[in-house]
């Protein structure tokens, strides 16, 4: 039985949510599809090519904030874009690990051009615009990597650390703030700091 590229991607993403990226294999995908493993290589020459395509599919399905709106500031676009990217990676198990190490798809370059042009219109050089997008993108991936790597049974270790921190008043207050913020709050704070830094650079 022949399988097309889209069916392979659908099955790969389904399995990703079930077993995670470490256990995902072309053999497991082929078994789920009921075909021989070489059938997959007509569409993807190796696992890396498959992961690249899976990343593209994740972003196409879940990241709807890649293009700036005419009525928003560059700051608001960066916030919306960063949040949308984070939500897309969180929408699949190990989404950040699937994304890490990938390159932009040539088919997405029109989006990237519009993003860069939007920041250039705000006063950034093309190089500054690209650096800012890369910095925010890598920040998002790092945050999601940490969030998705958080152990399910990590509460005990957290309680031990929090108890030990009580011996250090400033640290205890800082750790309490860290716990209250949660992953989303900490992400928002870091994103805002990056935007403020970009504002300061633009004003020089």
N, C-alpha and C. Protein backbone atom coordinates (compact mmCIF):
# COMPACT_ATOMS: atom_id res chain seq x y z
N UNK A 1 0.83 -1.18 0.00
CA UNK A 1 0.00 0.00 0.00
C UNK A 1 0.88 1.25 0.00
N UNK A 2 0.56 2.20 -0.89
CA UNK A 2 1.33 3.43 -0.95
C UNK A 2 0.81 4.43 0.09
N UNK A 3 1.72 5.22 0.61
CA UNK A 3 1.34 6.27 1.55
C UNK A 3 1.89 7.59 1.03
N UNK A 4 1.15 8.65 1.25
CA UNK A 4 1.63 9.95 0.80
C UNK A 4 2.31 10.69 1.95
N UNK A 5 2.94 11.80 1.62
CA UNK A 5 3.72 12.58 2.58
C UNK A 5 2.85 13.05 3.76
N UNK A 6 1.65 13.54 3.46
CA UNK A 6 0.81 14.08 4.51
C UNK A 6 0.38 13.00 5.50
N UNK A 7 0.08 11.82 5.01
CA UNK A 7 -0.33 10.74 5.91
C UNK A 7 0.83 10.32 6.82
N UNK A 8 2.03 10.33 6.27
CA UNK A 8 3.21 10.02 7.09
C UNK A 8 3.37 11.06 8.19
N UNK A 9 3.24 12.34 7.84
CA UNK A 9 3.37 13.41 8.84
C UNK A 9 2.29 13.31 9.91
N UNK A 10 1.07 13.05 9.50
CA UNK A 10 -0.03 12.92 10.47
C UNK A 10 0.27 11.80 11.45
N UNK A 11 0.74 10.69 10.93
CA UNK A 11 1.03 9.53 11.78
C UNK A 11 2.23 9.82 12.68
N UNK A 12 3.25 10.47 12.14
CA UNK A 12 4.45 10.79 12.93
C UNK A 12 4.10 11.71 14.09
N UNK A 13 3.25 12.69 13.86
CA UNK A 13 2.86 13.61 14.93
C UNK A 13 1.98 12.92 15.96
N UNK A 14 1.16 12.02 15.50
CA UNK A 14 0.33 11.23 16.41
C UNK A 14 1.22 10.40 17.33
N UNK A 15 2.21 9.74 16.75
CA UNK A 15 3.14 8.93 17.54
C UNK A 15 4.00 9.78 18.45
N UNK A 16 4.39 10.97 17.97
CA UNK A 16 5.19 11.86 18.80
C UNK A 16 4.48 12.15 20.11
N UNK A 17 3.20 12.43 20.06
CA UNK A 17 2.45 12.69 21.28
C UNK A 17 2.34 11.47 22.17
N UNK A 18 2.40 10.30 21.58
CA UNK A 18 2.27 9.07 22.36
C UNK A 18 3.58 8.64 23.02
N UNK A 19 4.70 8.73 22.28
CA UNK A 19 5.94 8.12 22.78
C UNK A 19 7.07 9.12 22.96
N UNK A 20 6.98 10.33 22.42
CA UNK A 20 8.07 11.29 22.53
C UNK A 20 9.09 11.12 21.42
N UNK A 21 9.95 12.13 21.29
CA UNK A 21 10.87 12.15 20.16
C UNK A 21 11.95 11.07 20.24
N UNK A 22 12.36 10.69 21.46
CA UNK A 22 13.41 9.68 21.58
C UNK A 22 12.95 8.32 21.07
N UNK A 23 11.70 7.98 21.31
CA UNK A 23 11.19 6.67 20.90
C UNK A 23 10.58 6.69 19.50
N UNK A 24 10.48 7.87 18.92
CA UNK A 24 9.91 7.96 17.57
C UNK A 24 10.91 7.42 16.56
N UNK A 25 10.47 6.55 15.71
CA UNK A 25 11.35 5.97 14.69
C UNK A 25 10.59 5.74 13.41
N UNK A 26 11.32 5.67 12.31
CA UNK A 26 10.67 5.38 11.04
C UNK A 26 10.06 3.97 11.05
N UNK A 27 10.68 3.08 11.81
CA UNK A 27 10.12 1.72 11.91
C UNK A 27 8.75 1.76 12.58
N UNK A 28 8.64 2.52 13.69
CA UNK A 28 7.36 2.61 14.40
C UNK A 28 6.29 3.28 13.54
N UNK A 29 6.70 4.29 12.78
CA UNK A 29 5.75 4.97 11.90
C UNK A 29 5.27 4.02 10.81
N UNK A 30 6.21 3.27 10.22
CA UNK A 30 5.85 2.32 9.17
C UNK A 30 4.90 1.25 9.69
N UNK A 31 5.16 0.76 10.91
CA UNK A 31 4.29 -0.23 11.50
C UNK A 31 2.89 0.31 11.71
N UNK A 32 2.80 1.55 12.20
CA UNK A 32 1.48 2.16 12.41
C UNK A 32 0.72 2.31 11.09
N UNK A 33 1.47 2.61 10.03
CA UNK A 33 0.86 2.81 8.72
C UNK A 33 0.58 1.49 8.00
N UNK A 34 1.21 0.41 8.48
CA UNK A 34 1.02 -0.88 7.84
C UNK A 34 1.79 -1.02 6.55
N UNK A 35 2.96 -0.38 6.48
CA UNK A 35 3.81 -0.47 5.29
C UNK A 35 5.22 -0.86 5.69
N UNK A 36 6.05 -1.15 4.70
CA UNK A 36 7.45 -1.45 4.96
C UNK A 36 8.21 -0.13 5.18
N UNK A 37 9.23 -0.20 6.00
CA UNK A 37 10.00 0.99 6.34
C UNK A 37 10.56 1.74 5.13
N UNK A 38 11.08 1.05 4.11
CA UNK A 38 11.61 1.77 2.93
C UNK A 38 10.58 2.65 2.23
N UNK A 39 9.29 2.38 2.43
CA UNK A 39 8.26 3.19 1.78
C UNK A 39 8.32 4.64 2.25
N UNK A 40 8.80 4.85 3.47
CA UNK A 40 8.90 6.20 4.01
C UNK A 40 10.02 6.99 3.35
N UNK A 41 11.05 6.28 2.89
CA UNK A 41 12.23 6.96 2.34
C UNK A 41 11.99 7.55 0.96
N UNK A 42 10.84 7.24 0.35
CA UNK A 42 10.48 7.92 -0.88
C UNK A 42 10.17 9.38 -0.61
N UNK A 43 9.75 9.66 0.63
CA UNK A 43 9.33 11.01 1.00
C UNK A 43 10.33 11.71 1.93
N UNK A 44 11.02 10.93 2.78
CA UNK A 44 11.97 11.49 3.75
C UNK A 44 13.21 10.61 3.76
N UNK A 45 14.36 11.20 3.41
CA UNK A 45 15.56 10.40 3.24
C UNK A 45 16.12 9.88 4.55
N UNK A 46 15.80 10.55 5.68
CA UNK A 46 16.26 10.09 7.00
C UNK A 46 15.38 10.71 8.08
N UNK A 47 15.68 10.39 9.33
CA UNK A 47 14.86 10.89 10.43
C UNK A 47 14.97 12.39 10.55
N UNK A 48 16.14 12.97 10.27
CA UNK A 48 16.29 14.42 10.37
C UNK A 48 15.37 15.13 9.39
N UNK A 49 15.29 14.60 8.18
CA UNK A 49 14.39 15.20 7.19
C UNK A 49 12.95 15.09 7.64
N UNK A 50 12.61 13.98 8.29
CA UNK A 50 11.26 13.80 8.80
C UNK A 50 10.97 14.79 9.92
N UNK A 51 11.93 14.96 10.83
CA UNK A 51 11.75 15.91 11.93
C UNK A 51 11.59 17.34 11.41
N UNK A 52 12.38 17.70 10.38
CA UNK A 52 12.25 19.03 9.78
C UNK A 52 10.83 19.23 9.24
N UNK A 53 10.32 18.21 8.57
CA UNK A 53 8.98 18.31 8.01
C UNK A 53 7.92 18.34 9.11
N UNK A 54 8.15 17.58 10.18
CA UNK A 54 7.22 17.60 11.31
C UNK A 54 7.20 18.98 11.96
N UNK A 55 8.37 19.59 12.07
CA UNK A 55 8.43 20.95 12.62
C UNK A 55 7.62 21.92 11.77
N UNK A 56 7.80 21.82 10.45
CA UNK A 56 7.04 22.68 9.56
C UNK A 56 5.55 22.47 9.69
N UNK A 57 5.15 21.22 9.87
CA UNK A 57 3.73 20.91 10.02
C UNK A 57 3.17 21.45 11.34
N UNK A 58 3.95 21.33 12.41
CA UNK A 58 3.53 21.87 13.70
C UNK A 58 3.30 23.37 13.60
N UNK A 59 4.25 24.07 12.99
CA UNK A 59 4.12 25.52 12.87
C UNK A 59 2.95 25.89 11.96
N UNK A 60 2.76 25.15 10.88
CA UNK A 60 1.66 25.44 9.97
C UNK A 60 0.31 25.24 10.65
N UNK A 61 0.24 24.25 11.53
CA UNK A 61 -1.03 23.95 12.20
C UNK A 61 -1.32 24.89 13.36
N UNK A 62 -0.27 25.26 14.10
CA UNK A 62 -0.52 25.91 15.39
C UNK A 62 0.03 27.32 15.55
N UNK A 63 0.91 27.76 14.65
CA UNK A 63 1.51 29.10 14.81
C UNK A 63 0.86 30.05 13.81
N UNK A 64 -0.14 30.79 14.27
CA UNK A 64 -0.88 31.66 13.37
C UNK A 64 -0.52 33.13 13.55
N UNK A 65 0.63 33.39 14.17
CA UNK A 65 1.03 34.78 14.44
C UNK A 65 2.36 35.11 13.78
N UNK A 66 2.59 34.59 12.59
CA UNK A 66 3.88 34.78 11.93
C UNK A 66 3.95 36.03 11.07
N UNK A 67 2.80 36.64 10.77
CA UNK A 67 2.76 37.80 9.89
C UNK A 67 2.26 39.01 10.67
N UNK A 68 2.97 40.14 10.61
CA UNK A 68 2.52 41.34 11.34
C UNK A 68 1.23 41.90 10.78
N UNK A 69 0.45 42.51 11.66
CA UNK A 69 -0.77 43.19 11.25
C UNK A 69 -0.45 44.65 10.97
N UNK A 70 -1.21 45.23 10.10
CA UNK A 70 -0.95 46.62 9.71
C UNK A 70 -1.14 47.59 10.87
N UNK A 71 -2.03 47.25 11.80
CA UNK A 71 -2.39 48.19 12.86
C UNK A 71 -1.65 47.94 14.17
N UNK A 72 -0.62 47.08 14.18
CA UNK A 72 0.07 46.83 15.44
C UNK A 72 1.49 47.37 15.42
N UNK A 73 2.01 47.67 16.60
CA UNK A 73 3.38 48.14 16.72
C UNK A 73 4.32 46.95 16.60
N UNK A 74 5.60 47.25 16.36
CA UNK A 74 6.55 46.14 16.27
C UNK A 74 6.66 45.42 17.61
N UNK A 75 6.50 46.17 18.72
CA UNK A 75 6.56 45.54 20.04
C UNK A 75 5.41 44.53 20.21
N UNK A 76 4.21 44.95 19.82
CA UNK A 76 3.06 44.05 19.95
C UNK A 76 3.19 42.84 19.02
N UNK A 77 3.77 43.07 17.85
CA UNK A 77 3.97 41.93 16.95
C UNK A 77 4.94 40.92 17.55
N UNK A 78 6.04 41.41 18.13
CA UNK A 78 7.00 40.50 18.75
C UNK A 78 6.37 39.72 19.89
N UNK A 79 5.52 40.40 20.67
CA UNK A 79 4.83 39.70 21.76
C UNK A 79 3.91 38.62 21.21
N UNK A 80 3.09 38.99 20.24
CA UNK A 80 2.14 38.05 19.66
C UNK A 80 2.85 36.90 18.96
N UNK A 81 3.92 37.22 18.23
CA UNK A 81 4.68 36.20 17.52
C UNK A 81 5.35 35.24 18.50
N UNK A 82 5.96 35.79 19.54
CA UNK A 82 6.62 34.94 20.53
C UNK A 82 5.65 34.04 21.25
N UNK A 83 4.50 34.59 21.63
CA UNK A 83 3.49 33.78 22.31
C UNK A 83 2.94 32.70 21.40
N UNK A 84 2.70 33.06 20.14
CA UNK A 84 2.19 32.07 19.20
C UNK A 84 3.17 30.95 18.95
N UNK A 85 4.45 31.29 18.85
CA UNK A 85 5.49 30.28 18.65
C UNK A 85 5.56 29.34 19.85
N UNK A 86 5.51 29.93 21.05
CA UNK A 86 5.54 29.11 22.27
C UNK A 86 4.35 28.16 22.30
N UNK A 87 3.16 28.65 22.02
CA UNK A 87 1.97 27.82 22.05
C UNK A 87 2.05 26.69 21.02
N UNK A 88 2.63 27.00 19.86
CA UNK A 88 2.77 25.97 18.82
C UNK A 88 3.69 24.85 19.30
N UNK A 89 4.83 25.20 19.88
CA UNK A 89 5.76 24.18 20.34
C UNK A 89 5.18 23.38 21.50
N UNK A 90 4.38 24.04 22.34
CA UNK A 90 3.77 23.34 23.47
C UNK A 90 2.61 22.45 23.04
N UNK A 91 2.13 22.63 21.83
CA UNK A 91 0.96 21.88 21.38
C UNK A 91 1.28 20.41 21.07
N UNK A 92 2.58 20.08 21.00
CA UNK A 92 2.99 18.70 20.76
C UNK A 92 4.06 18.30 21.77
N UNK A 93 4.00 17.06 22.18
CA UNK A 93 5.02 16.54 23.08
C UNK A 93 6.40 16.69 22.44
N UNK A 94 7.36 17.22 23.21
CA UNK A 94 8.73 17.42 22.74
C UNK A 94 8.79 18.35 21.52
N UNK A 95 7.81 19.26 21.42
CA UNK A 95 7.79 20.16 20.27
C UNK A 95 9.04 20.99 20.13
N UNK A 96 9.61 21.44 21.26
CA UNK A 96 10.83 22.26 21.20
C UNK A 96 12.01 21.43 20.72
N UNK A 97 12.07 20.17 21.11
CA UNK A 97 13.17 19.32 20.66
C UNK A 97 13.06 18.99 19.18
N UNK A 98 11.84 18.87 18.69
CA UNK A 98 11.65 18.66 17.26
C UNK A 98 12.13 19.89 16.49
N UNK A 99 11.84 21.07 17.02
CA UNK A 99 12.20 22.30 16.33
C UNK A 99 13.70 22.60 16.38
N UNK A 100 14.34 22.29 17.51
CA UNK A 100 15.74 22.68 17.71
C UNK A 100 16.63 22.14 16.59
N UNK A 101 17.44 23.01 16.02
CA UNK A 101 18.37 22.61 14.98
C UNK A 101 17.82 22.68 13.57
N UNK A 102 16.56 23.07 13.42
CA UNK A 102 15.99 23.15 12.07
C UNK A 102 16.32 24.49 11.43
N UNK A 103 16.25 24.53 10.13
CA UNK A 103 16.41 25.77 9.38
C UNK A 103 15.05 26.21 8.86
N UNK A 104 14.95 27.49 8.54
CA UNK A 104 13.70 27.97 7.97
C UNK A 104 13.41 27.27 6.65
N UNK A 105 12.15 26.93 6.44
CA UNK A 105 11.74 26.32 5.18
C UNK A 105 11.77 27.39 4.09
N UNK A 106 12.37 27.09 2.93
CA UNK A 106 12.37 28.08 1.84
C UNK A 106 10.97 28.59 1.50
N UNK A 107 9.98 27.76 1.73
CA UNK A 107 8.62 28.19 1.46
C UNK A 107 8.10 29.23 2.42
N UNK A 108 8.80 29.41 3.55
CA UNK A 108 8.39 30.40 4.55
C UNK A 108 9.11 31.73 4.40
N UNK A 109 9.99 31.85 3.43
CA UNK A 109 10.81 33.06 3.33
C UNK A 109 9.99 34.31 3.05
N UNK A 110 8.85 34.16 2.42
CA UNK A 110 7.99 35.33 2.20
C UNK A 110 7.53 35.90 3.53
N UNK A 111 7.20 35.00 4.49
CA UNK A 111 6.82 35.45 5.82
C UNK A 111 7.98 36.17 6.50
N UNK A 112 9.16 35.59 6.39
CA UNK A 112 10.34 36.18 7.04
C UNK A 112 10.64 37.55 6.45
N UNK A 113 10.51 37.68 5.13
CA UNK A 113 10.74 38.96 4.48
C UNK A 113 9.76 40.02 5.02
N UNK A 114 8.53 39.64 5.21
CA UNK A 114 7.54 40.58 5.73
C UNK A 114 7.85 40.96 7.18
N UNK A 115 8.33 40.00 7.96
CA UNK A 115 8.71 40.29 9.33
C UNK A 115 9.87 41.28 9.39
N UNK A 116 10.90 41.00 8.59
CA UNK A 116 12.07 41.88 8.56
C UNK A 116 11.67 43.28 8.08
N UNK A 117 10.88 43.35 7.02
CA UNK A 117 10.45 44.63 6.48
C UNK A 117 9.67 45.43 7.51
N UNK A 118 8.89 44.74 8.33
CA UNK A 118 8.09 45.40 9.36
C UNK A 118 9.00 46.09 10.38
N UNK A 119 10.07 45.41 10.79
CA UNK A 119 11.00 46.02 11.75
C UNK A 119 11.87 47.09 11.10
N UNK A 120 12.22 46.87 9.85
CA UNK A 120 12.99 47.91 9.14
C UNK A 120 12.19 49.20 9.05
N UNK A 121 10.90 49.09 8.81
CA UNK A 121 10.04 50.28 8.75
C UNK A 121 9.98 50.99 10.10
N UNK A 122 10.25 50.24 11.19
CA UNK A 122 10.24 50.83 12.53
C UNK A 122 11.58 51.45 12.88
N UNK A 123 12.60 51.26 12.02
CA UNK A 123 13.89 51.90 12.26
C UNK A 123 15.06 50.96 12.44
N UNK A 124 14.82 49.66 12.48
CA UNK A 124 15.91 48.70 12.61
C UNK A 124 16.58 48.50 11.25
N UNK A 125 17.85 48.12 11.28
CA UNK A 125 18.49 47.66 10.05
C UNK A 125 18.06 46.22 9.81
N UNK A 126 18.21 45.72 8.57
CA UNK A 126 17.87 44.31 8.33
C UNK A 126 18.64 43.37 9.26
N UNK A 127 19.92 43.67 9.50
CA UNK A 127 20.70 42.82 10.39
C UNK A 127 20.18 42.84 11.82
N UNK A 128 19.84 44.02 12.32
CA UNK A 128 19.28 44.12 13.67
C UNK A 128 17.95 43.40 13.77
N UNK A 129 17.14 43.53 12.73
CA UNK A 129 15.84 42.85 12.73
C UNK A 129 16.02 41.34 12.80
N UNK A 130 16.94 40.80 12.00
CA UNK A 130 17.16 39.36 12.01
C UNK A 130 17.71 38.90 13.36
N UNK A 131 18.65 39.67 13.92
CA UNK A 131 19.19 39.30 15.23
C UNK A 131 18.10 39.26 16.28
N UNK A 132 17.19 40.23 16.22
CA UNK A 132 16.12 40.28 17.21
C UNK A 132 15.17 39.09 17.05
N UNK A 133 14.80 38.76 15.83
CA UNK A 133 13.93 37.61 15.61
C UNK A 133 14.60 36.31 16.05
N UNK A 134 15.89 36.17 15.75
CA UNK A 134 16.62 34.96 16.16
C UNK A 134 16.69 34.88 17.68
N UNK A 135 16.98 36.02 18.32
CA UNK A 135 17.09 36.03 19.78
C UNK A 135 15.76 35.63 20.43
N UNK A 136 14.68 36.21 19.95
CA UNK A 136 13.37 35.88 20.51
C UNK A 136 13.03 34.42 20.22
N UNK A 137 13.31 33.96 19.00
CA UNK A 137 13.01 32.58 18.65
C UNK A 137 13.77 31.58 19.52
N UNK A 138 15.05 31.85 19.72
CA UNK A 138 15.84 30.93 20.55
C UNK A 138 15.42 31.00 22.01
N UNK A 139 15.01 32.17 22.45
CA UNK A 139 14.49 32.31 23.81
C UNK A 139 13.23 31.45 23.97
N UNK A 140 12.34 31.51 23.00
CA UNK A 140 11.13 30.71 23.05
C UNK A 140 11.46 29.22 23.11
N UNK A 141 12.35 28.78 22.23
CA UNK A 141 12.71 27.36 22.21
C UNK A 141 13.31 26.94 23.55
N UNK A 142 14.19 27.76 24.11
CA UNK A 142 14.80 27.43 25.40
C UNK A 142 13.77 27.34 26.51
N UNK A 143 12.83 28.28 26.54
CA UNK A 143 11.78 28.25 27.56
C UNK A 143 10.94 26.99 27.44
N UNK A 144 10.57 26.64 26.21
CA UNK A 144 9.72 25.46 26.03
C UNK A 144 10.49 24.18 26.32
N UNK A 145 11.77 24.15 25.96
CA UNK A 145 12.59 22.98 26.31
C UNK A 145 12.57 22.74 27.81
N UNK A 146 12.77 23.81 28.60
CA UNK A 146 12.74 23.68 30.05
C UNK A 146 11.37 23.24 30.54
N UNK A 147 10.33 23.85 29.98
CA UNK A 147 8.98 23.53 30.41
C UNK A 147 8.62 22.08 30.10
N UNK A 148 8.96 21.62 28.89
CA UNK A 148 8.62 20.25 28.53
C UNK A 148 9.52 19.22 29.19
N UNK A 149 10.67 19.66 29.72
CA UNK A 149 11.57 18.74 30.40
C UNK A 149 11.29 18.66 31.90
N UNK A 150 10.37 19.49 32.39
CA UNK A 150 10.06 19.46 33.82
C UNK A 150 9.56 18.09 34.22
N UNK A 151 10.19 17.46 35.22
CA UNK A 151 9.78 16.11 35.61
C UNK A 151 8.39 16.10 36.24
N UNK A 152 7.64 15.07 35.94
CA UNK A 152 6.30 14.94 36.49
C UNK A 152 6.36 14.86 38.02
N UNK A 153 7.39 14.20 38.55
CA UNK A 153 7.51 14.01 40.00
C UNK A 153 8.48 15.01 40.61
N UNK A 154 8.58 16.20 40.02
CA UNK A 154 9.55 17.18 40.50
C UNK A 154 9.11 17.97 41.72
N UNK A 155 7.87 17.77 42.19
CA UNK A 155 7.37 18.56 43.31
C UNK A 155 8.20 18.34 44.57
N UNK A 156 8.64 17.10 44.83
CA UNK A 156 9.43 16.82 46.03
C UNK A 156 10.75 17.57 45.99
N UNK A 157 11.43 17.55 44.86
CA UNK A 157 12.70 18.26 44.74
C UNK A 157 12.50 19.77 44.90
N UNK A 158 11.40 20.30 44.38
CA UNK A 158 11.10 21.72 44.53
C UNK A 158 10.89 22.08 45.99
N UNK A 159 10.18 21.23 46.72
CA UNK A 159 9.94 21.51 48.15
C UNK A 159 11.24 21.49 48.93
N UNK A 160 12.12 20.59 48.58
CA UNK A 160 13.43 20.53 49.26
C UNK A 160 14.23 21.79 49.00
N UNK A 161 14.24 22.24 47.75
CA UNK A 161 14.97 23.46 47.41
C UNK A 161 14.36 24.67 48.11
N UNK A 162 13.04 24.77 48.11
CA UNK A 162 12.37 25.90 48.74
C UNK A 162 12.65 25.93 50.23
N UNK A 163 12.67 24.76 50.85
CA UNK A 163 12.96 24.70 52.30
C UNK A 163 14.38 25.14 52.57
N UNK A 164 15.33 24.69 51.75
CA UNK A 164 16.73 25.07 51.94
C UNK A 164 16.93 26.55 51.71
N UNK A 165 16.16 27.14 50.79
CA UNK A 165 16.30 28.57 50.49
C UNK A 165 15.87 29.47 51.62
N UNK A 166 15.11 28.93 52.58
CA UNK A 166 14.64 29.75 53.69
C UNK A 166 15.78 30.29 54.53
N UNK A 167 16.93 29.67 54.46
CA UNK A 167 18.10 30.16 55.20
C UNK A 167 18.69 31.41 54.59
N UNK A 168 18.23 31.79 53.40
CA UNK A 168 18.75 32.95 52.67
C UNK A 168 17.57 33.87 52.34
N UNK A 169 17.36 34.92 53.11
CA UNK A 169 16.14 35.73 52.99
C UNK A 169 15.86 36.26 51.59
N UNK A 170 16.86 36.83 50.93
CA UNK A 170 16.63 37.39 49.61
C UNK A 170 16.34 36.28 48.60
N UNK A 171 17.08 35.20 48.71
CA UNK A 171 16.87 34.08 47.80
C UNK A 171 15.49 33.45 48.03
N UNK A 172 15.07 33.36 49.27
CA UNK A 172 13.76 32.80 49.58
C UNK A 172 12.66 33.62 48.93
N UNK A 173 12.80 34.95 49.01
CA UNK A 173 11.81 35.82 48.37
C UNK A 173 11.84 35.67 46.85
N UNK A 174 13.05 35.56 46.30
CA UNK A 174 13.18 35.41 44.85
C UNK A 174 12.58 34.08 44.38
N UNK A 175 12.85 33.00 45.11
CA UNK A 175 12.33 31.69 44.74
C UNK A 175 10.81 31.66 44.83
N UNK A 176 10.26 32.32 45.85
CA UNK A 176 8.81 32.37 45.98
C UNK A 176 8.19 33.09 44.79
N UNK A 177 8.82 34.18 44.36
CA UNK A 177 8.34 34.91 43.18
C UNK A 177 8.42 34.02 41.95
N UNK A 178 9.51 33.29 41.83
CA UNK A 178 9.72 32.36 40.71
C UNK A 178 8.61 31.31 40.67
N UNK A 179 8.26 30.74 41.82
CA UNK A 179 7.21 29.72 41.87
C UNK A 179 5.86 30.32 41.50
N UNK A 180 5.57 31.52 42.00
CA UNK A 180 4.27 32.14 41.72
C UNK A 180 4.11 32.46 40.24
N UNK A 181 5.21 32.85 39.60
CA UNK A 181 5.14 33.27 38.21
C UNK A 181 4.77 32.12 37.28
N UNK A 182 5.27 30.94 37.56
CA UNK A 182 5.01 29.80 36.69
C UNK A 182 5.70 29.97 35.34
N UNK A 183 5.58 28.96 34.50
CA UNK A 183 6.25 29.00 33.20
C UNK A 183 5.78 30.17 32.34
N UNK A 184 4.47 30.37 32.31
CA UNK A 184 3.93 31.43 31.45
C UNK A 184 4.36 32.81 31.93
N UNK A 185 4.31 33.04 33.24
CA UNK A 185 4.69 34.33 33.78
C UNK A 185 6.16 34.65 33.56
N UNK A 186 7.00 33.66 33.77
CA UNK A 186 8.43 33.86 33.55
C UNK A 186 8.73 34.11 32.08
N UNK A 187 8.04 33.40 31.21
CA UNK A 187 8.21 33.62 29.78
C UNK A 187 7.85 35.06 29.41
N UNK A 188 6.72 35.53 29.89
CA UNK A 188 6.27 36.88 29.57
C UNK A 188 7.27 37.93 30.07
N UNK A 189 7.80 37.71 31.26
CA UNK A 189 8.77 38.66 31.81
C UNK A 189 10.03 38.72 30.96
N UNK A 190 10.54 37.57 30.57
CA UNK A 190 11.75 37.54 29.75
C UNK A 190 11.52 38.16 28.38
N UNK A 191 10.37 37.89 27.79
CA UNK A 191 10.05 38.46 26.48
C UNK A 191 9.98 39.98 26.57
N UNK A 192 9.39 40.48 27.65
CA UNK A 192 9.28 41.92 27.82
C UNK A 192 10.65 42.56 27.99
N UNK A 193 11.54 41.91 28.70
CA UNK A 193 12.90 42.43 28.86
C UNK A 193 13.62 42.52 27.52
N UNK A 194 13.42 41.53 26.66
CA UNK A 194 14.05 41.56 25.34
C UNK A 194 13.50 42.71 24.50
N UNK A 195 12.20 42.94 24.58
CA UNK A 195 11.60 44.03 23.81
C UNK A 195 12.09 45.37 24.32
N UNK A 196 12.20 45.51 25.62
CA UNK A 196 12.71 46.76 26.18
C UNK A 196 14.16 47.00 25.77
N UNK A 197 14.93 45.94 25.71
CA UNK A 197 16.32 46.07 25.25
C UNK A 197 16.37 46.52 23.81
N UNK A 198 15.49 45.99 22.98
CA UNK A 198 15.44 46.39 21.58
C UNK A 198 15.01 47.84 21.44
N UNK A 199 14.08 48.28 22.29
CA UNK A 199 13.65 49.67 22.29
C UNK A 199 14.82 50.60 22.63
N UNK A 200 15.61 50.18 23.62
CA UNK A 200 16.76 51.00 24.02
C UNK A 200 17.79 51.09 22.89
N UNK A 201 18.02 49.97 22.19
CA UNK A 201 18.95 49.97 21.07
C UNK A 201 18.46 50.88 19.96
N UNK A 202 17.17 50.87 19.72
CA UNK A 202 16.59 51.67 18.64
C UNK A 202 16.68 53.16 18.94
N UNK A 203 16.67 53.50 20.22
CA UNK A 203 16.66 54.91 20.61
C UNK A 203 18.05 55.54 20.62
N UNK A 204 19.10 54.72 20.50
CA UNK A 204 20.48 55.24 20.54
C UNK A 204 20.80 56.03 19.28
